[in-house]
Amino acid sequence: MDLMGQGCTGKTVSLYGLGKVARQAVRKLKALDMNVLYTKRSRLSPEEEAELGIEWVGDPDELISRGDYVCLLVNYEDANYRIFGEREFKLMKPAAYFINVARGRLVDQDAMIRALQDGTIAGAGLDVFYHEPPVVHDAYVEPALRKLDNVVLTPHNGGATYDSRGAQTLAIANAIVKEIIARSASQSV
């Protein structure tokens, strides 16, 4: 039984936020045969939900309590500072994993560390950190997080692939060409 994992098939992932990044994630999560729940400020149309194969949960507390994986994907703004804290971690299943790919300051880091240390939650996957962007070249990551066996830390580049960067660069180049053509057309009139 050494090196056994929880797996994904049939598990429920709760997406707290459903912007561009989350929509990309939905395709991959559905390919893993996961049940995908979501909440956001405004609900998608029933047609969009059916097309994506996702379920709306209007109450964030219910969303958090139903997930085997709870993934934070909201934008950072002052109103969202530390929206995920001790209360939210206690709502999670003890076997659930918390994933933050949004912004570190959305989470009460001390409460998260306590929840990880005392087994309130099973683990965490963190692509972002409280002190980000760093004021120095090397981002500060709380030493307690680096010592936990139930935490995976990545350097906020989960989408950094040759394909994704190529697509981003191509989109920028196309926008520049479009702007040049538009300016040229307006000057010739």
Protein backbone atom coordinates (compact mmCIF):
# COMPACT_ATOMS: atom_id res chain seq x y z
CA MET A 1 0.00 0.00 0.00
CA ASP A 2 3.06 2.26 -0.11
CA LEU A 3 2.79 5.36 -2.31
CA MET A 4 -0.98 5.07 -2.70
CA GLY A 5 -2.92 8.22 -3.56
CA GLN A 6 -6.49 9.46 -3.40
CA GLY A 7 -7.02 9.69 -7.16
CA CYS A 8 -9.45 11.90 -9.03
CA THR A 9 -12.00 9.72 -10.81
CA GLY A 10 -15.44 10.25 -9.31
CA LYS A 11 -14.17 12.87 -6.85
CA THR A 12 -15.71 16.31 -6.54
CA VAL A 13 -13.77 19.49 -7.18
CA SER A 14 -15.25 22.75 -5.94
CA LEU A 15 -14.19 25.77 -8.01
CA TYR A 16 -14.45 28.94 -5.97
CA GLY A 17 -14.56 31.33 -8.94
CA LEU A 18 -15.02 30.58 -12.63
CA GLY A 19 -12.98 32.94 -14.79
CA LYS A 20 -10.63 32.19 -17.68
CA VAL A 21 -8.26 29.97 -15.70
CA ALA A 22 -11.09 27.96 -14.15
CA ARG A 23 -12.76 27.44 -17.52
CA GLN A 24 -9.49 25.98 -18.83
CA ALA A 25 -9.31 23.75 -15.77
CA VAL A 26 -12.88 22.48 -16.25
CA ARG A 27 -11.97 20.68 -19.49
CA LYS A 28 -9.11 18.88 -17.79
CA LEU A 29 -11.10 18.05 -14.66
CA LYS A 30 -13.96 16.62 -16.71
CA ALA A 31 -11.43 14.52 -18.67
CA LEU A 32 -10.46 12.99 -15.31
CA ASP A 33 -14.14 12.07 -14.73
CA MET A 34 -14.46 14.51 -11.86
CA ASN A 35 -17.67 16.13 -10.67
CA VAL A 36 -17.18 19.88 -11.02
CA LEU A 37 -19.06 22.35 -8.81
CA TYR A 38 -18.64 26.09 -9.06
CA THR A 39 -19.68 29.40 -7.64
CA LYS A 40 -19.05 32.91 -8.90
CA ARG A 41 -20.70 36.33 -8.69
CA SER A 42 -23.05 35.63 -11.56
CA ARG A 43 -24.31 32.20 -12.52
CA LEU A 44 -23.78 30.88 -16.03
CA SER A 45 -26.78 30.10 -18.20
CA PRO A 46 -28.20 26.57 -17.93
CA GLU A 47 -26.94 25.98 -21.49
CA GLU A 48 -23.38 26.95 -20.57
CA GLU A 49 -23.47 24.78 -17.45
CA ALA A 50 -24.71 21.82 -19.49
CA GLU A 51 -22.09 22.42 -22.18
CA LEU A 52 -19.30 22.53 -19.58
CA GLY A 53 -20.83 19.70 -17.51
CA ILE A 54 -20.64 21.67 -14.27
CA GLU A 55 -23.04 22.30 -11.38
CA TRP A 56 -23.80 25.68 -9.79
CA VAL A 57 -23.66 25.94 -6.00
CA GLY A 58 -24.79 29.39 -4.92
CA ASP A 59 -23.77 29.07 -1.26
CA PRO A 60 -19.96 29.21 -0.92
CA ASP A 61 -20.14 27.31 2.38
CA GLU A 62 -21.96 24.42 0.70
CA LEU A 63 -19.48 24.52 -2.19
CA ILE A 64 -16.54 24.25 0.22
CA SER A 65 -18.11 21.46 2.28
CA ARG A 66 -18.91 19.28 -0.76
CA GLY A 67 -15.46 19.30 -2.38
CA ASP A 68 -12.82 16.60 -2.21
CA TYR A 69 -10.64 19.29 -3.77
CA VAL A 70 -11.40 22.97 -3.13
CA CYS A 71 -9.76 25.24 -5.67
CA LEU A 72 -9.58 28.99 -5.09
CA LEU A 73 -9.79 30.88 -8.41
CA VAL A 74 -11.19 34.34 -7.60
CA ASN A 75 -9.54 37.63 -8.51
CA TYR A 76 -7.71 39.52 -5.83
CA GLU A 77 -9.27 42.80 -4.76
CA ASP A 78 -9.42 44.50 -1.37
CA ALA A 79 -12.88 43.04 -0.67
CA ASN A 80 -11.44 39.51 -1.14
CA TYR A 81 -8.49 39.94 1.25
CA ARG A 82 -8.29 36.72 3.32
CA ILE A 83 -11.70 35.47 2.19
CA PHE A 84 -10.55 31.96 2.99
CA GLY A 85 -9.67 31.46 6.64
CA GLU A 86 -10.13 29.25 9.68
CA ARG A 87 -13.92 29.06 9.27
CA GLU A 88 -13.66 27.95 5.64
CA PHE A 89 -10.97 25.35 6.39
CA LYS A 90 -13.21 23.88 9.09
CA LEU A 91 -16.01 23.57 6.51
CA MET A 92 -13.81 21.35 4.33
CA LYS A 93 -13.84 17.58 4.61
CA PRO A 94 -10.88 16.27 6.64
CA ALA A 95 -9.84 14.25 3.58
CA ALA A 96 -10.09 17.28 1.24
CA TYR A 97 -7.25 19.15 -0.41
CA PHE A 98 -7.07 22.94 -0.73
CA ILE A 99 -5.63 24.32 -3.97
CA ASN A 100 -4.77 27.99 -4.46
CA VAL A 101 -3.78 29.13 -7.93
CA ALA A 102 -5.31 32.62 -7.56
CA ARG A 103 -3.47 34.92 -5.12
CA GLY A 104 -1.85 34.24 -1.76
CA ARG A 105 -3.47 37.16 0.02
CA LEU A 106 -6.91 35.63 -0.52
CA VAL A 107 -6.03 33.16 2.24
CA ASP A 108 -5.34 33.59 5.94
CA GLN A 109 -1.99 31.84 5.74
CA ASP A 110 -1.68 31.22 9.49
CA ALA A 111 -5.12 29.57 9.55
CA MET A 112 -4.15 27.42 6.55
CA ILE A 113 -0.92 26.30 8.20
CA ARG A 114 -2.82 25.36 11.39
CA ALA A 115 -5.40 23.43 9.33
CA LEU A 116 -2.61 21.53 7.59
CA GLN A 117 -0.67 20.84 10.78
CA ASP A 118 -3.62 19.66 12.86
CA GLY A 119 -5.27 17.57 10.13
CA THR A 120 -8.32 19.78 9.64
CA ILE A 121 -7.64 19.24 5.91
CA ALA A 122 -5.59 16.55 4.18
CA GLY A 123 -3.24 18.79 2.26
CA ALA A 124 -2.70 21.73 -0.04
CA GLY A 125 -1.35 22.57 -3.46
CA LEU A 126 -0.08 26.14 -3.59
CA ASP A 127 0.99 27.93 -6.75
CA VAL A 128 0.82 31.35 -5.07
CA PHE A 129 2.01 32.73 -1.78
CA TYR A 130 1.13 35.53 0.63
CA HIS A 131 4.29 37.52 -0.15
CA GLU A 132 3.78 37.69 -3.88
CA PRO A 133 4.83 39.40 -5.95
CA PRO A 134 8.06 39.42 -3.99
CA VAL A 135 9.96 42.62 -3.33
CA VAL A 136 13.17 40.64 -3.86
CA HIS A 137 14.09 38.10 -6.53
CA ASP A 138 13.35 35.09 -4.32
CA ALA A 139 9.77 34.92 -3.08
CA TYR A 140 9.36 34.43 0.66
CA VAL A 141 7.55 31.23 1.49
CA GLU A 142 6.62 30.65 5.11
CA PRO A 143 9.07 28.06 6.54
CA ALA A 144 6.17 26.13 8.14
CA LEU A 145 4.73 25.50 4.65
CA ARG A 146 8.07 24.18 3.38
CA LYS A 147 8.26 21.64 6.21
CA LEU A 148 4.83 20.06 5.73
CA ASP A 149 4.69 16.70 3.97
CA ASN A 150 1.08 17.32 2.91
CA VAL A 151 1.79 20.47 0.85
CA VAL A 152 2.97 20.84 -2.74
CA LEU A 153 4.51 24.21 -3.62
CA THR A 154 5.02 25.48 -7.17
CA PRO A 155 6.41 28.85 -8.35
CA HIS A 156 3.17 30.39 -9.76
CA ASN A 157 3.81 29.09 -13.25
CA GLY A 158 1.37 26.21 -13.49
CA GLY A 159 0.42 27.34 -16.99
CA ALA A 160 3.99 27.80 -18.16
CA THR A 161 4.28 25.47 -21.14
CA TYR A 162 5.74 26.04 -24.57
CA ASP A 163 2.25 25.79 -26.07
CA SER A 164 0.63 28.25 -23.66
CA ARG A 165 3.42 30.82 -23.92
CA GLY A 166 3.43 30.45 -27.68
CA ALA A 167 -0.32 31.06 -27.78
CA GLN A 168 0.05 34.11 -25.51
CA THR A 169 2.81 35.54 -27.69
CA LEU A 170 0.82 34.90 -30.87
CA ALA A 171 -2.23 36.65 -29.38
CA ILE A 172 -0.10 39.70 -28.54
CA ALA A 173 1.43 39.74 -32.02
CA ASN A 174 -2.02 39.46 -33.64
CA ALA A 175 -3.32 42.33 -31.49
CA ILE A 176 -0.38 44.51 -32.55
CA VAL A 177 -0.96 43.73 -36.25
CA LYS A 178 -4.69 44.42 -35.86
CA GLU A 179 -3.94 47.80 -34.24
CA ILE A 180 -1.45 48.74 -36.98
CA ILE A 181 -3.98 47.86 -39.67
CA ALA A 182 -6.72 49.83 -37.88
CA ARG A 183 -4.49 52.92 -37.53
CA SER A 184 -3.37 52.65 -41.13
CA ALA A 185 -6.97 52.40 -42.35
CA SER A 186 -8.06 55.42 -40.25
CA GLN A 187 -5.16 57.53 -41.58
CA SER A 188 -5.93 56.73 -45.22
CA VAL A 189 -9.54 57.94 -44.92
